C-alpha cells in the first residue's frame, strides 16, 4: 500500500492550500479515507474523514467551516481543501485509509505515507 501526500507548503495566515493523496496498492473505492495531522510536540489528530462513496464527511471541531475533504474514486485520490489557515494549522498532514465501526467511529488502518508539511506563517 502506498499513500503519497502532496500540496503542502508555506502560506500566510488567512491563505489556502489544497492537499492531495494518491493511493495505490488497495481497492480505493471500498475504503473510508481521512486526513490526520501532527504538529511538533503534539499528538497526532484526526482532521477529517470521508465515506467510501464520498457521501458523508466528518471534521474536527476546529476545522469545521474551513476545511473540506473530498475524493475522486476514479483517480484513487483524496483531497483536503484548507481555507482561512491559521498558524496553529502548521503540521505534517497525512492521509489514511480506514473504516467505520458499529458506532460510526473512524478507525484507521496502519498504513502511513511520508506526509506533507504545511506551514502557516507571516
PDB file of N, CA and C in Angstrom:
ATOM      1  N   UNK A   1       0.854  -1.187   0.000  1.00  0.00           N
ATOM      2  CA  UNK A   1       0.000   0.000   0.000  1.00  0.00           C
ATOM      3  C   UNK A   1       0.891   1.239   0.000  1.00  0.00           C
ATOM      4  N   UNK A   2       0.569   2.158  -0.905  1.00  0.00           N
ATOM      5  CA  UNK A   2       1.315   3.424  -0.952  1.00  0.00           C
ATOM      6  C   UNK A   2       0.351   4.588  -0.833  1.00  0.00           C
ATOM      7  N   UNK A   3       0.708   5.517   0.024  1.00  0.00           N
ATOM      8  CA  UNK A   3      -0.037   6.752   0.205  1.00  0.00           C
ATOM      9  C   UNK A   3       0.941   7.888  -0.031  1.00  0.00           C
ATOM     10  N   UNK A   4       0.698   8.697  -1.039  1.00  0.00           N
ATOM     11  CA  UNK A   4       1.639   9.769  -1.395  1.00  0.00           C
ATOM     12  C   UNK A   4       0.927  11.110  -1.288  1.00  0.00           C
ATOM     13  N   UNK A   5       1.262  11.827  -0.220  1.00  0.00           N
ATOM     14  CA  UNK A   5       0.664  13.144   0.018  1.00  0.00           C
ATOM     15  C   UNK A   5       1.465  14.222  -0.689  1.00  0.00           C
ATOM     16  N   UNK A   6       0.783  15.253  -1.128  1.00  0.00           N
ATOM     17  CA  UNK A   6       1.437  16.390  -1.779  1.00  0.00           C
ATOM     18  C   UNK A   6       0.574  17.634  -1.606  1.00  0.00           C
ATOM     19  N   UNK A   7       1.158  18.782  -1.953  1.00  0.00           N
ATOM     20  CA  UNK A   7       0.407  20.026  -1.930  1.00  0.00           C
ATOM     21  C   UNK A   7       0.693  20.943  -0.761  1.00  0.00           C
ATOM     22  N   UNK A   8       1.510  20.487   0.171  1.00  0.00           N
ATOM     23  CA  UNK A   8       1.849  21.330   1.303  1.00  0.00           C
ATOM     24  C   UNK A   8       2.768  22.469   0.901  1.00  0.00           C
ATOM     25  N   UNK A   9       3.045  23.337   1.863  1.00  0.00           N
ATOM     26  CA  UNK A   9       3.937  24.456   1.601  1.00  0.00           C
ATOM     27  C   UNK A   9       3.809  25.525   2.657  1.00  0.00           C
ATOM     28  N   UNK A  10       4.397  26.664   2.359  1.00  0.00           N
ATOM     29  CA  UNK A  10       4.351  27.819   3.255  1.00  0.00           C
ATOM     30  C   UNK A  10       3.260  28.767   2.765  1.00  0.00           C
ATOM     31  N   UNK A  11       2.381  29.160   3.663  1.00  0.00           N
ATOM     32  CA  UNK A  11       1.285  30.048   3.308  1.00  0.00           C
ATOM     33  C   UNK A  11       1.076  31.049   4.437  1.00  0.00           C
ATOM     34  N   UNK A  12       0.626  32.230   4.077  1.00  0.00           N
ATOM     35  CA  UNK A  12       0.355  33.248   5.095  1.00  0.00           C
ATOM     36  C   UNK A  12      -0.961  32.975   5.801  1.00  0.00           C
ATOM     37  N   UNK A  13      -1.094  33.458   7.021  1.00  0.00           N
ATOM     38  CA  UNK A  13      -2.389  33.328   7.716  1.00  0.00           C
ATOM     39  C   UNK A  13      -3.526  33.887   6.866  1.00  0.00           C
ATOM     40  N   UNK A  14      -4.624  33.141   6.842  1.00  0.00           N
ATOM     41  CA  UNK A  14      -5.757  33.513   6.008  1.00  0.00           C
ATOM     42  C   UNK A  14      -5.708  32.923   4.619  1.00  0.00           C
ATOM     43  N   UNK A  15      -4.601  32.322   4.258  1.00  0.00           N
ATOM     44  CA  UNK A  15      -4.454  31.745   2.933  1.00  0.00           C
ATOM     45  C   UNK A  15      -5.074  30.369   2.804  1.00  0.00           C
ATOM     46  N   UNK A  16      -4.881  29.764   1.628  1.00  0.00           N
ATOM     47  CA  UNK A  16      -5.468  28.468   1.315  1.00  0.00           C
ATOM     48  C   UNK A  16      -4.429  27.526   0.717  1.00  0.00           C
ATOM     49  N   UNK A  17      -4.657  26.251   0.918  1.00  0.00           N
ATOM     50  CA  UNK A  17      -3.877  25.186   0.284  1.00  0.00           C
ATOM     51  C   UNK A  17      -4.820  24.038  -0.012  1.00  0.00           C
ATOM     52  N   UNK A  18      -4.481  23.263  -1.046  1.00  0.00           N
ATOM     53  CA  UNK A  18      -5.221  22.037  -1.324  1.00  0.00           C
ATOM     54  C   UNK A  18      -4.232  20.883  -1.336  1.00  0.00           C
ATOM     55  N   UNK A  19      -4.440  19.955  -0.431  1.00  0.00           N
ATOM     56  CA  UNK A  19      -3.602  18.765  -0.333  1.00  0.00           C
ATOM     57  C   UNK A  19      -4.215  17.639  -1.154  1.00  0.00           C
ATOM     58  N   UNK A  20      -3.344  16.799  -1.680  1.00  0.00           N
ATOM     59  CA  UNK A  20      -3.771  15.615  -2.422  1.00  0.00           C
ATOM     60  C   UNK A  20      -3.076  14.398  -1.849  1.00  0.00           C
ATOM     61  N   UNK A  21      -3.728  13.255  -1.962  1.00  0.00           N
ATOM     62  CA  UNK A  21      -3.129  11.995  -1.536  1.00  0.00           C
ATOM     63  C   UNK A  21      -3.480  10.935  -2.568  1.00  0.00           C
ATOM     64  N   UNK A  22      -2.475  10.479  -3.278  1.00  0.00           N
ATOM     65  CA  UNK A  22      -2.657   9.419  -4.272  1.00  0.00           C
ATOM     66  C   UNK A  22      -2.424   8.075  -3.606  1.00  0.00           C
ATOM     67  N   UNK A  23      -3.363   7.172  -3.794  1.00  0.00           N
ATOM     68  CA  UNK A  23      -3.340   5.877  -3.108  1.00  0.00           C
ATOM     69  C   UNK A  23      -3.199   4.759  -4.122  1.00  0.00           C
ATOM     70  N   UNK A  24      -2.351   3.803  -3.815  1.00  0.00           N
ATOM     71  CA  UNK A  24      -2.201   2.627  -4.665  1.00  0.00           C
ATOM     72  C   UNK A  24      -1.982   1.407  -3.791  1.00  0.00           C
ATOM     73  N   UNK A  25      -2.219   0.237  -4.378  1.00  0.00           N
ATOM     74  CA  UNK A  25      -2.000  -0.999  -3.644  1.00  0.00           C
ATOM     75  C   UNK A  25      -3.204  -1.505  -2.880  1.00  0.00           C
ATOM     76  N   UNK A  26      -4.330  -0.818  -2.988  1.00  0.00           N
ATOM     77  CA  UNK A  26      -5.565  -1.309  -2.402  1.00  0.00           C
ATOM     78  C   UNK A  26      -6.730  -0.836  -3.267  1.00  0.00           C
ATOM     79  N   UNK A  27      -7.897  -1.436  -3.052  1.00  0.00           N
ATOM     80  CA  UNK A  27      -9.081  -1.049  -3.813  1.00  0.00           C
ATOM     81  C   UNK A  27      -9.660   0.198  -3.174  1.00  0.00           C
ATOM     82  N   UNK A  28      -9.248   1.335  -3.696  1.00  0.00           N
ATOM     83  CA  UNK A  28      -9.508   2.633  -3.054  1.00  0.00           C
ATOM     84  C   UNK A  28     -10.988   2.842  -2.758  1.00  0.00           C
ATOM     85  N   UNK A  29     -11.838   2.454  -3.673  1.00  0.00           N
ATOM     86  CA  UNK A  29     -13.255   2.804  -3.555  1.00  0.00           C
ATOM     87  C   UNK A  29     -13.992   2.078  -2.442  1.00  0.00           C
ATOM     88  N   UNK A  30     -13.369   1.090  -1.803  1.00  0.00           N
ATOM     89  CA  UNK A  30     -14.075   0.383  -0.740  1.00  0.00           C
ATOM     90  C   UNK A  30     -13.618   0.825   0.649  1.00  0.00           C
ATOM     91  N   UNK A  31     -12.725   1.807   0.689  1.00  0.00           N
ATOM     92  CA  UNK A  31     -12.197   2.280   1.960  1.00  0.00           C
ATOM     93  C   UNK A  31     -12.667   3.694   2.284  1.00  0.00           C
ATOM     94  N   UNK A  32     -13.026   3.896   3.531  1.00  0.00           N
ATOM     95  CA  UNK A  32     -13.150   5.255   4.014  1.00  0.00           C
ATOM     96  C   UNK A  32     -11.742   5.855   4.057  1.00  0.00           C
ATOM     97  N   UNK A  33     -11.668   7.169   3.942  1.00  0.00           N
ATOM     98  CA  UNK A  33     -10.366   7.840   3.945  1.00  0.00           C
ATOM     99  C   UNK A  33     -10.386   8.994   4.934  1.00  0.00           C
ATOM    100  N   UNK A  34      -9.210   9.437   5.291  1.00  0.00           N
ATOM    101  CA  UNK A  34      -9.121  10.507   6.283  1.00  0.00           C
ATOM    102  C   UNK A  34      -7.832  11.282   6.098  1.00  0.00           C
ATOM    103  N   UNK A  35      -7.795  12.417   6.741  1.00  0.00           N
ATOM    104  CA  UNK A  35      -6.586  13.198   6.907  1.00  0.00           C
ATOM    105  C   UNK A  35      -6.310  13.365   8.398  1.00  0.00           C
ATOM    106  N   UNK A  36      -5.058  13.137   8.763  1.00  0.00           N
ATOM    107  CA  UNK A  36      -4.565  13.383  10.108  1.00  0.00           C
ATOM    108  C   UNK A  36      -3.484  14.459  10.015  1.00  0.00           C
ATOM    109  N   UNK A  37      -3.164  15.023  11.160  1.00  0.00           N
ATOM    110  CA  UNK A  37      -2.033  15.942  11.187  1.00  0.00           C
ATOM    111  C   UNK A  37      -1.291  15.800  12.508  1.00  0.00           C
ATOM    112  N   UNK A  38      -0.017  16.169  12.464  1.00  0.00           N
ATOM    113  CA  UNK A  38       0.790  16.154  13.678  1.00  0.00           C
ATOM    114  C   UNK A  38       1.682  17.374  13.702  1.00  0.00           C
ATOM    115  N   UNK A  39       1.476  18.184  14.720  1.00  0.00           N
ATOM    116  CA  UNK A  39       2.299  19.372  14.926  1.00  0.00           C
ATOM    117  C   UNK A  39       3.449  19.014  15.851  1.00  0.00           C
ATOM    118  N   UNK A  40       4.536  19.765  15.792  1.00  0.00           N
ATOM    119  CA  UNK A  40       5.691  19.488  16.661  1.00  0.00           C
ATOM    120  C   UNK A  40       5.291  19.465  18.131  1.00  0.00           C
ATOM    121  N   UNK A  41       5.672  18.402  18.816  1.00  0.00           N
ATOM    122  CA  UNK A  41       5.402  18.299  20.239  1.00  0.00           C
ATOM    123  C   UNK A  41       3.971  17.966  20.605  1.00  0.00           C
ATOM    124  N   UNK A  42       3.141  17.690  19.592  1.00  0.00           N
ATOM    125  CA  UNK A  42       1.724  17.400  19.854  1.00  0.00           C
ATOM    126  C   UNK A  42       1.368  16.015  19.337  1.00  0.00           C
ATOM    127  N   UNK A  43       0.277  15.495  19.871  1.00  0.00           N
ATOM    128  CA  UNK A  43      -0.208  14.193  19.421  1.00  0.00           C
ATOM    129  C   UNK A  43      -0.816  14.306  18.031  1.00  0.00           C
ATOM    130  N   UNK A  44      -0.790  13.216  17.305  1.00  0.00           N
ATOM    131  CA  UNK A  44      -1.441  13.181  16.001  1.00  0.00           C
ATOM    132  C   UNK A  44      -2.947  13.295  16.194  1.00  0.00           C
ATOM    133  N   UNK A  45      -3.614  14.063  15.339  1.00  0.00           N
ATOM    134  CA  UNK A  45      -5.049  14.242  15.487  1.00  0.00           C
ATOM    135  C   UNK A  45      -5.769  14.036  14.161  1.00  0.00           C
ATOM    136  N   UNK A  46      -6.991  13.551  14.264  1.00  0.00           N
ATOM    137  CA  UNK A  46      -7.839  13.357  13.090  1.00  0.00           C
ATOM    138  C   UNK A  46      -8.383  14.711  12.652  1.00  0.00           C
ATOM    139  N   UNK A  47      -8.179  15.031  11.386  1.00  0.00           N
ATOM    140  CA  UNK A  47      -8.640  16.297  10.828  1.00  0.00           C
ATOM    141  C   UNK A  47     -10.035  16.131  10.221  1.00  0.00           C
ATOM    142  N   UNK A  48     -10.177  15.110   9.373  1.00  0.00           N
ATOM    143  CA  UNK A  48     -11.439  14.893   8.674  1.00  0.00           C
ATOM    144  C   UNK A  48     -11.461  13.475   8.125  1.00  0.00           C
ATOM    145  N   UNK A  49     -12.668  12.935   7.946  1.00  0.00           N
ATOM    146  CA  UNK A  49     -12.801  11.633   7.313  1.00  0.00           C
ATOM    147  C   UNK A  49     -13.970  11.663   6.335  1.00  0.00           C
ATOM    148  N   UNK A  50     -13.979  10.697   5.424  1.00  0.00           N
ATOM    149  CA  UNK A  50     -14.978  10.663   4.360  1.00  0.00           C
ATOM    150  C   UNK A  50     -15.316   9.214   4.059  1.00  0.00           C
ATOM    151  N   UNK A  51     -16.605   8.964   3.817  1.00  0.00           N
ATOM    152  CA  UNK A  51     -17.042   7.608   3.493  1.00  0.00           C
ATOM    153  C   UNK A  51     -16.518   7.174   2.131  1.00  0.00           C
ATOM    154  N   UNK A  52     -16.630   5.866   1.857  1.00  0.00           N
ATOM    155  CA  UNK A  52     -16.042   5.326   0.639  1.00  0.00           C
ATOM    156  C   UNK A  52     -16.656   5.906  -0.631  1.00  0.00           C
ATOM    157  N   UNK A  53     -17.922   6.319  -0.554  1.00  0.00           N
ATOM    158  CA  UNK A  53     -18.557   6.898  -1.734  1.00  0.00           C
ATOM    159  C   UNK A  53     -18.532   8.422  -1.721  1.00  0.00           C
ATOM    160  N   UNK A  54     -17.940   9.000  -0.697  1.00  0.00           N
ATOM    161  CA  UNK A  54     -17.866  10.452  -0.595  1.00  0.00           C
ATOM    162  C   UNK A  54     -19.138  11.125  -0.142  1.00  0.00           C
ATOM    163  N   UNK A  55     -20.132  10.330   0.233  1.00  0.00           N
ATOM    164  CA  UNK A  55     -21.425  10.901   0.556  1.00  0.00           C
ATOM    165  C   UNK A  55     -21.534  11.515   1.927  1.00  0.00           C
ATOM    166  N   UNK A  56     -20.607  11.198   2.814  1.00  0.00           N
ATOM    167  CA  UNK A  56     -20.663  11.722   4.177  1.00  0.00           C
ATOM    168  C   UNK A  56     -19.254  12.059   4.643  1.00  0.00           C
ATOM    169  N   UNK A  57     -19.152  13.191   5.351  1.00  0.00           N
ATOM    170  CA  UNK A  57     -17.857  13.641   5.855  1.00  0.00           C
ATOM    171  C   UNK A  57     -17.987  14.049   7.315  1.00  0.00           C
ATOM    172  N   UNK A  58     -16.867  14.022   8.012  1.00  0.00           N
ATOM    173  CA  UNK A  58     -16.810  14.479   9.398  1.00  0.00           C
ATOM    174  C   UNK A  58     -15.534  15.300   9.591  1.00  0.00           C
ATOM    175  N   UNK A  59     -15.630  16.276  10.471  1.00  0.00           N
ATOM    176  CA  UNK A  59     -14.487  17.160  10.708  1.00  0.00           C
ATOM    177  C   UNK A  59     -14.270  17.359  12.200  1.00  0.00           C
ATOM    178  N   UNK A  60     -13.012  17.548  12.566  1.00  0.00           N
ATOM    179  CA  UNK A  60     -12.714  18.007  13.911  1.00  0.00           C
ATOM    180  C   UNK A  60     -13.296  19.404  14.080  1.00  0.00           C
ATOM    181  N   UNK A  61     -13.691  19.713  15.300  1.00  0.00           N
ATOM    182  CA  UNK A  61     -14.395  20.977  15.534  1.00  0.00           C
ATOM    183  C   UNK A  61     -13.620  22.192  15.032  1.00  0.00           C
ATOM    184  N   UNK A  62     -12.317  22.203  15.230  1.00  0.00           N
ATOM    185  CA  UNK A  62     -11.535  23.382  14.872  1.00  0.00           C
ATOM    186  C   UNK A  62     -11.368  23.556  13.355  1.00  0.00           C
ATOM    187  N   UNK A  63     -11.740  22.545  12.573  1.00  0.00           N
ATOM    188  CA  UNK A  63     -11.617  22.594  11.123  1.00  0.00           C
ATOM    189  C   UNK A  63     -12.950  22.836  10.429  1.00  0.00           C
ATOM    190  N   UNK A  64     -14.047  22.692  11.158  1.00  0.00           N
ATOM    191  CA  UNK A  64     -15.361  22.844  10.536  1.00  0.00           C
ATOM    192  C   UNK A  64     -15.517  24.237   9.936  1.00  0.00           C
ATOM    193  N   UNK A  65     -15.998  24.266   8.708  1.00  0.00           N
ATOM    194  CA  UNK A  65     -16.205  25.535   8.027  1.00  0.00           C
ATOM    195  C   UNK A  65     -14.977  26.074   7.325  1.00  0.00           C
ATOM    196  N   UNK A  66     -13.816  25.493   7.599  1.00  0.00           N
ATOM    197  CA  UNK A  66     -12.579  25.955   6.965  1.00  0.00           C
ATOM    198  C   UNK A  66     -11.986  24.902   6.027  1.00  0.00           C
ATOM    199  N   UNK A  67     -12.112  23.632   6.400  1.00  0.00           N
ATOM    200  CA  UNK A  67     -11.516  22.542   5.627  1.00  0.00           C
ATOM    201  C   UNK A  67     -12.622  21.739   4.948  1.00  0.00           C
ATOM    202  N   UNK A  68     -12.289  21.203   3.763  1.00  0.00           N
ATOM    203  CA  UNK A  68     -13.215  20.332   3.051  1.00  0.00           C
ATOM    204  C   UNK A  68     -12.462  19.112   2.535  1.00  0.00           C
ATOM    205  N   UNK A  69     -12.928  17.935   2.946  1.00  0.00           N
ATOM    206  CA  UNK A  69     -12.356  16.693   2.441  1.00  0.00           C
ATOM    207  C   UNK A  69     -13.212  16.206   1.277  1.00  0.00           C
ATOM    208  N   UNK A  70     -12.557  15.673   0.263  1.00  0.00           N
ATOM    209  CA  UNK A  70     -13.274  15.134  -0.894  1.00  0.00           C
ATOM    210  C   UNK A  70     -12.444  14.001  -1.481  1.00  0.00           C
ATOM    211  N   UNK A  71     -13.020  13.277  -2.417  1.00  0.00           N
ATOM    212  CA  UNK A  71     -12.291  12.162  -3.028  1.00  0.00           C
ATOM    213  C   UNK A  71     -12.749  11.979  -4.459  1.00  0.00           C
ATOM    214  N   UNK A  72     -11.866  11.403  -5.247  1.00  0.00           N
ATOM    215  CA  UNK A  72     -12.166  11.036  -6.629  1.00  0.00           C
ATOM    216  C   UNK A  72     -11.800   9.569  -6.774  1.00  0.00           C
ATOM    217  N   UNK A  73     -12.791   8.706  -6.735  1.00  0.00           N
ATOM    218  CA  UNK A  73     -12.517   7.266  -6.770  1.00  0.00           C
ATOM    219  C   UNK A  73     -11.947   6.825  -8.119  1.00  0.00           C
ATOM    220  N   UNK A  74     -12.220   7.578  -9.165  1.00  0.00           N
ATOM    221  CA  UNK A  74     -11.661   7.241 -10.475  1.00  0.00           C
ATOM    222  C   UNK A  74     -10.158   7.506 -10.522  1.00  0.00           C
ATOM    223  N   UNK A  75      -9.691   8.406  -9.668  1.00  0.00           N
ATOM    224  CA  UNK A  75      -8.264   8.764  -9.643  1.00  0.00           C
ATOM    225  C   UNK A  75      -7.554   8.211  -8.407  1.00  0.00           C
ATOM    226  N   UNK A  76      -8.283   7.458  -7.580  1.00  0.00           N
ATOM    227  CA  UNK A  76      -7.691   6.910  -6.349  1.00  0.00           C
ATOM    228  C   UNK A  76      -7.023   8.003  -5.520  1.00  0.00           C
ATOM    229  N   UNK A  77      -7.704   9.112  -5.385  1.00  0.00           N
ATOM    230  CA  UNK A  77      -7.120  10.270  -4.724  1.00  0.00           C
ATOM    231  C   UNK A  77      -8.108  10.892  -3.748  1.00  0.00           C
ATOM    232  N   UNK A  78      -7.592  11.300  -2.608  1.00  0.00           N
ATOM    233  CA  UNK A  78      -8.368  12.037  -1.624  1.00  0.00           C
ATOM    234  C   UNK A  78      -7.731  13.421  -1.463  1.00  0.00           C
ATOM    235  N   UNK A  79      -8.575  14.408  -1.235  1.00  0.00           N
ATOM    236  CA  UNK A  79      -8.131  15.805  -1.174  1.00  0.00           C
ATOM    237  C   UNK A  79      -8.502  16.437   0.157  1.00  0.00           C
ATOM    238  N   UNK A  80      -7.772  17.495   0.486  1.00  0.00           N
ATOM    239  CA  UNK A  80      -8.145  18.324   1.629  1.00  0.00           C
ATOM    240  C   UNK A  80      -7.960  19.778   1.220  1.00  0.00           C
ATOM    241  N   UNK A  81      -9.072  20.477   1.030  1.00  0.00           N
ATOM    242  CA  UNK A  81      -9.037  21.905   0.755  1.00  0.00           C
ATOM    243  C   UNK A  81      -9.026  22.638   2.079  1.00  0.00           C
ATOM    244  N   UNK A  82      -8.020  23.467   2.293  1.00  0.00           N
ATOM    245  CA  UNK A  82      -7.864  24.184   3.555  1.00  0.00           C
ATOM    246  C   UNK A  82      -7.921  25.678   3.285  1.00  0.00           C
ATOM    247  N   UNK A  83      -8.900  26.330   3.880  1.00  0.00           N
ATOM    248  CA  UNK A  83      -9.071  27.773   3.739  1.00  0.00           C
ATOM    249  C   UNK A  83      -8.913  28.450   5.095  1.00  0.00           C
ATOM    250  N   UNK A  84      -8.743  29.760   5.070  1.00  0.00           N
ATOM    251  CA  UNK A  84      -8.635  30.555   6.302  1.00  0.00           C
ATOM    252  C   UNK A  84      -7.616  29.938   7.253  1.00  0.00           C
ATOM    253  N   UNK A  85      -6.463  29.614   6.722  1.00  0.00           N
ATOM    254  CA  UNK A  85      -5.451  28.919   7.518  1.00  0.00           C
ATOM    255  C   UNK A  85      -4.925  29.797   8.640  1.00  0.00           C
ATOM    256  N   UNK A  86      -4.612  29.136   9.753  1.00  0.00           N
ATOM    257  CA  UNK A  86      -4.112  29.798  10.954  1.00  0.00           C
ATOM    258  C   UNK A  86      -2.738  29.232  11.308  1.00  0.00           C
ATOM    259  N   UNK A  87      -1.945  29.968  12.040  1.00  0.00           N
ATOM    260  CA  UNK A  87      -0.634  29.435  12.443  1.00  0.00           C
ATOM    261  C   UNK A  87      -0.739  28.097  13.168  1.00  0.00           C
ATOM    262  N   UNK A  88      -1.806  27.903  13.910  1.00  0.00           N
ATOM    263  CA  UNK A  88      -1.964  26.635  14.634  1.00  0.00           C
ATOM    264  C   UNK A  88      -2.306  25.457  13.729  1.00  0.00           C
ATOM    265  N   UNK A  89      -2.516  25.715  12.437  1.00  0.00           N
ATOM    266  CA  UNK A  89      -2.706  24.627  11.480  1.00  0.00           C
ATOM    267  C   UNK A  89      -1.364  24.073  10.992  1.00  0.00           C
ATOM    268  N   UNK A  90      -0.281  24.691  11.391  1.00  0.00           N
ATOM    269  CA  UNK A  90       1.040  24.219  10.998  1.00  0.00           C
ATOM    270  C   UNK A  90       1.277  22.809  11.527  1.00  0.00           C
ATOM    271  N   UNK A  91       1.585  21.889  10.620  1.00  0.00           N
ATOM    272  CA  UNK A  91       1.740  20.479  10.978  1.00  0.00           C
ATOM    273  C   UNK A  91       2.148  19.699   9.735  1.00  0.00           C
ATOM    274  N   UNK A  92       2.493  18.435   9.958  1.00  0.00           N
ATOM    275  CA  UNK A  92       2.626  17.491   8.848  1.00  0.00           C
ATOM    276  C   UNK A  92       1.274  16.804   8.699  1.00  0.00           C
ATOM    277  N   UNK A  93       0.775  16.784   7.486  1.00  0.00           N
ATOM    278  CA  UNK A  93      -0.543  16.213   7.194  1.00  0.00           C
ATOM    279  C   UNK A  93      -0.372  14.867   6.486  1.00  0.00           C
ATOM    280  N   UNK A  94      -1.153  13.889   6.960  1.00  0.00           N
ATOM    281  CA  UNK A  94      -1.098  12.528   6.433  1.00  0.00           C
ATOM    282  C   UNK A  94      -2.495  12.077   6.015  1.00  0.00           C
ATOM    283  N   UNK A  95      -2.576  11.300   4.962  1.00  0.00           N
ATOM    284  CA  UNK A  95      -3.856  10.665   4.659  1.00  0.00           C
ATOM    285  C   UNK A  95      -3.789   9.208   5.091  1.00  0.00           C
ATOM    286  N   UNK A  96      -4.943   8.636   5.390  1.00  0.00           N
ATOM    287  CA  UNK A  96      -5.005   7.256   5.849  1.00  0.00           C
ATOM    288  C   UNK A  96      -6.275   6.595   5.337  1.00  0.00           C
ATOM    289  N   UNK A  97      -6.162   5.314   5.055  1.00  0.00           N
ATOM    290  CA  UNK A  97      -7.326   4.503   4.739  1.00  0.00           C
ATOM    291  C   UNK A  97      -7.873   3.921   6.033  1.00  0.00           C
ATOM    292  N   UNK A  98      -9.162   3.656   6.059  1.00  0.00           N
ATOM    293  CA  UNK A  98      -9.755   3.102   7.272  1.00  0.00           C
ATOM    294  C   UNK A  98     -11.179   2.629   7.041  1.00  0.00           C
ATOM    295  N   UNK A  99     -11.901   2.501   8.151  1.00  0.00           N
ATOM    296  CA  UNK A  99     -13.291   2.061   8.092  1.00  0.00           C
ATOM    297  C   UNK A  99     -14.041   2.642   9.285  1.00  0.00           C
ATOM    298  N   UNK A 100     -15.361   2.494   9.263  1.00  0.00           N
ATOM    299  CA  UNK A 100     -16.200   2.937  10.379  1.00  0.00           C
ATOM    300  C   UNK A 100     -16.675   1.725  11.170  1.00  0.00           C
ATOM    301  N   UNK A 101     -16.577   1.786  12.493  1.00  0.00           N
ATOM    302  CA  UNK A 101     -17.055   0.683  13.314  1.00  0.00           C
ATOM    303  C   UNK A 101     -18.562   0.810  13.544  1.00  0.00           C
ATOM    304  N   UNK A 102     -19.105  -0.042  14.380  1.00  0.00           N
ATOM    305  CA  UNK A 102     -20.543  -0.061  14.633  1.00  0.00           C
ATOM    306  C   UNK A 102     -21.080   1.227  15.228  1.00  0.00           C
ATOM    307  N   UNK A 103     -20.210   2.001  15.856  1.00  0.00           N
ATOM    308  CA  UNK A 103     -20.634   3.297  16.430  1.00  0.00           C
ATOM    309  C   UNK A 103     -20.312   4.439  15.469  1.00  0.00           C
ATOM    310  N   UNK A 104     -20.016   4.093  14.233  1.00  0.00           N
ATOM    311  CA  UNK A 104     -19.647   5.067  13.194  1.00  0.00           C
ATOM    312  C   UNK A 104     -18.435   5.892  13.611  1.00  0.00           C
ATOM    313  N   UNK A 105     -17.541   5.275  14.336  1.00  0.00           N
ATOM    314  CA  UNK A 105     -16.276   5.912  14.659  1.00  0.00           C
ATOM    315  C   UNK A 105     -15.260   5.505  13.597  1.00  0.00           C
ATOM    316  N   UNK A 106     -14.452   6.458  13.167  1.00  0.00           N
ATOM    317  CA  UNK A 106     -13.485   6.178  12.117  1.00  0.00           C
ATOM    318  C   UNK A 106     -12.278   5.466  12.729  1.00  0.00           C
ATOM    319  N   UNK A 107     -11.919   4.331  12.142  1.00  0.00           N
ATOM    320  CA  UNK A 107     -10.787   3.537  12.604  1.00  0.00           C
ATOM    321  C   UNK A 107      -9.775   3.452  11.458  1.00  0.00           C
ATOM    322  N   UNK A 108      -8.571   4.010  11.633  1.00  0.00           N
ATOM    323  CA  UNK A 108      -7.596   3.970  10.538  1.00  0.00           C
ATOM    324  C   UNK A 108      -6.820   2.657  10.495  1.00  0.00           C
ATOM    325  N   UNK A 109      -6.456   2.247   9.306  1.00  0.00           N
ATOM    326  CA  UNK A 109      -5.501   1.158   9.145  1.00  0.00           C
ATOM    327  C   UNK A 109      -4.097   1.719   9.330  1.00  0.00           C
ATOM    328  N   UNK A 110      -3.173   0.850   9.617  1.00  0.00           N
ATOM    329  CA  UNK A 110      -1.827   1.293   9.955  1.00  0.00           C
ATOM    330  C   UNK A 110      -0.941   1.423   8.716  1.00  0.00           C
ATOM    331  N   UNK A 111      -1.430   2.166   7.728  1.00  0.00           N
ATOM    332  CA  UNK A 111      -0.616   2.500   6.563  1.00  0.00           C
ATOM    333  C   UNK A 111      -0.310   3.988   6.640  1.00  0.00           C
ATOM    334  N   UNK A 112       0.967   4.326   6.467  1.00  0.00           N
ATOM    335  CA  UNK A 112       1.351   5.729   6.561  1.00  0.00           C
ATOM    336  C   UNK A 112       2.133   6.137   5.332  1.00  0.00           C
ATOM    337  N   UNK A 113       1.863   7.324   4.844  1.00  0.00           N
ATOM    338  CA  UNK A 113       2.690   7.937   3.816  1.00  0.00           C
ATOM    339  C   UNK A 113       3.756   8.784   4.479  1.00  0.00           C
ATOM    340  N   UNK A 114       4.462   9.559   3.655  1.00  0.00           N
ATOM    341  CA  UNK A 114       5.542  10.395   4.200  1.00  0.00           C
ATOM    342  C   UNK A 114       5.008  11.710   4.757  1.00  0.00           C
ATOM    343  N   UNK A 115       3.766  12.018   4.418  1.00  0.00           N
ATOM    344  CA  UNK A 115       3.173  13.263   4.893  1.00  0.00           C
ATOM    345  C   UNK A 115       3.592  14.447   4.046  1.00  0.00           C
ATOM    346  N   UNK A 116       2.884  15.546   4.229  1.00  0.00           N
ATOM    347  CA  UNK A 116       3.241  16.793   3.550  1.00  0.00           C
ATOM    348  C   UNK A 116       3.196  17.929   4.571  1.00  0.00           C
ATOM    349  N   UNK A 117       4.244  18.732   4.580  1.00  0.00           N
ATOM    350  CA  UNK A 117       4.382  19.788   5.591  1.00  0.00           C
ATOM    351  C   UNK A 117       3.564  21.007   5.183  1.00  0.00           C
ATOM    352  N   UNK A 118       2.762  21.481   6.118  1.00  0.00           N
ATOM    353  CA  UNK A 118       2.022  22.734   5.950  1.00  0.00           C
ATOM    354  C   UNK A 118       2.525  23.701   7.016  1.00  0.00           C
ATOM    355  N   UNK A 119       2.981  24.850   6.580  1.00  0.00           N
ATOM    356  CA  UNK A 119       3.469  25.872   7.494  1.00  0.00           C
ATOM    357  C   UNK A 119       2.694  27.161   7.239  1.00  0.00           C
ATOM    358  N   UNK A 120       2.042  27.657   8.287  1.00  0.00           N
ATOM    359  CA  UNK A 120       1.259  28.882   8.185  1.00  0.00           C
ATOM    360  C   UNK A 120       1.975  29.956   8.993  1.00  0.00           C
ATOM    361  N   UNK A 121       2.520  30.912   8.285  1.00  0.00           N
ATOM    362  CA  UNK A 121       3.327  31.937   8.953  1.00  0.00           C
ATOM    363  C   UNK A 121       3.412  33.175   8.076  1.00  0.00           C
ATOM    364  N   UNK A 122       3.501  34.310   8.739  1.00  0.00           N
ATOM    365  CA  UNK A 122       3.689  35.557   8.002  1.00  0.00           C
ATOM    366  C   UNK A 122       5.168  35.895   7.906  1.00  0.00           C
TER     367      UNK A 122
END
